[in-house]
Amino acid sequence: MKKNFSIADIVVIAVTFILFAAALFTKGFTNALLLEAGVLLVSVKIIMMNLKCSQTNKQILEKLHEMDEDIKTMAR
């Protein structure tokens, strides 16, 4: 799991889940629960977008490194 998620992602997931559970127990099953569920889903979506962005950045950096190596090889 540590390979896919950063420490910040894990902290955000934990805090969001704890706050959601606390709201569930304090508010009960009312209309406010829908708002809390929406906040939870937004947090999950942001974390998923961050994961995808970091994976894309890794791929771009690998390609740039390959291109840099190719340029250095051609310059010799």
Protein backbone atom coordinates (compact mmCIF):
# COMPACT_ATOMS: atom_id res chain seq x y z
CA MET A 1 0.00 0.00 0.00
CA LYS A 2 2.91 2.33 0.71
CA LYS A 3 4.00 1.93 -2.91
CA ASN A 4 0.75 3.43 -4.21
CA PHE A 5 -0.14 5.93 -1.49
CA SER A 6 2.00 8.57 0.14
CA ILE A 7 1.97 9.23 3.86
CA ALA A 8 -0.17 12.33 3.28
CA ASP A 9 -2.77 10.27 1.39
CA ILE A 10 -2.98 7.74 4.21
CA VAL A 11 -3.34 10.52 6.80
CA VAL A 12 -6.12 12.19 4.78
CA ILE A 13 -7.94 8.88 4.40
CA ALA A 14 -7.69 8.16 8.13
CA VAL A 15 -8.77 11.64 9.24
CA THR A 16 -11.65 11.73 6.76
CA PHE A 17 -12.88 8.31 7.85
CA ILE A 18 -12.63 9.22 11.55
CA LEU A 19 -14.55 12.45 11.00
CA PHE A 20 -17.16 10.63 8.92
CA ALA A 21 -17.63 8.01 11.65
CA ALA A 22 -17.86 10.72 14.31
CA ALA A 23 -20.49 12.58 12.28
CA LEU A 24 -22.40 9.34 11.79
CA PHE A 25 -22.58 8.72 15.53
CA THR A 26 -23.34 12.33 16.49
CA LYS A 27 -25.81 13.17 13.72
CA GLY A 28 -27.36 9.76 13.29
CA PHE A 29 -29.05 8.71 10.07
CA THR A 30 -30.45 12.08 9.05
CA ASN A 31 -30.20 14.29 5.98
CA ALA A 32 -26.90 15.62 7.32
CA LEU A 33 -25.49 12.16 6.70
CA LEU A 34 -25.84 12.73 2.95
CA LEU A 35 -23.72 15.86 3.27
CA GLU A 36 -21.08 13.95 5.22
CA ALA A 37 -21.10 11.16 2.63
CA GLY A 38 -20.60 13.76 -0.09
CA VAL A 39 -17.60 15.19 1.74
CA LEU A 40 -16.18 11.69 2.09
CA LEU A 41 -16.61 11.01 -1.63
CA VAL A 42 -14.96 14.31 -2.56
CA SER A 43 -11.98 13.45 -0.35
CA VAL A 44 -11.69 10.02 -1.96
CA LYS A 45 -11.86 11.57 -5.44
CA ILE A 46 -9.09 14.06 -4.59
CA ILE A 47 -6.92 11.23 -3.30
CA MET A 48 -7.55 9.20 -6.46
CA MET A 49 -6.66 12.20 -8.63
CA ASN A 50 -3.46 12.72 -6.62
CA LEU A 51 -2.52 9.05 -7.08
CA LYS A 52 -3.08 9.23 -10.85
CA CYS A 53 -1.12 12.48 -11.07
CA SER A 54 1.85 11.03 -9.18
CA GLN A 55 1.87 7.92 -11.39
CA THR A 56 1.81 10.10 -14.51
CA ASN A 57 4.63 12.25 -13.14
CA LYS A 58 6.75 9.14 -12.54
CA GLN A 59 6.18 8.00 -16.12
CA ILE A 60 7.09 11.44 -17.50
CA LEU A 61 10.27 11.56 -15.40
CA GLU A 62 11.27 8.08 -16.61
CA LYS A 63 10.77 9.11 -20.24
CA LEU A 64 12.76 12.32 -19.70
CA HIS A 65 15.55 10.32 -18.10
CA GLU A 66 15.61 7.96 -21.08
CA MET A 67 15.70 10.91 -23.49
CA ASP A 68 18.53 12.48 -21.51
CA GLU A 69 20.51 9.26 -21.66
CA ASP A 70 19.90 9.00 -25.42
CA ILE A 71 21.10 12.58 -25.94
CA LYS A 72 24.23 11.94 -23.88
CA THR A 73 24.91 8.75 -25.86
CA MET A 74 24.50 10.56 -29.19
CA ALA A 75 26.77 13.40 -28.08
CA ARG A 76 29.69 11.02 -27.51
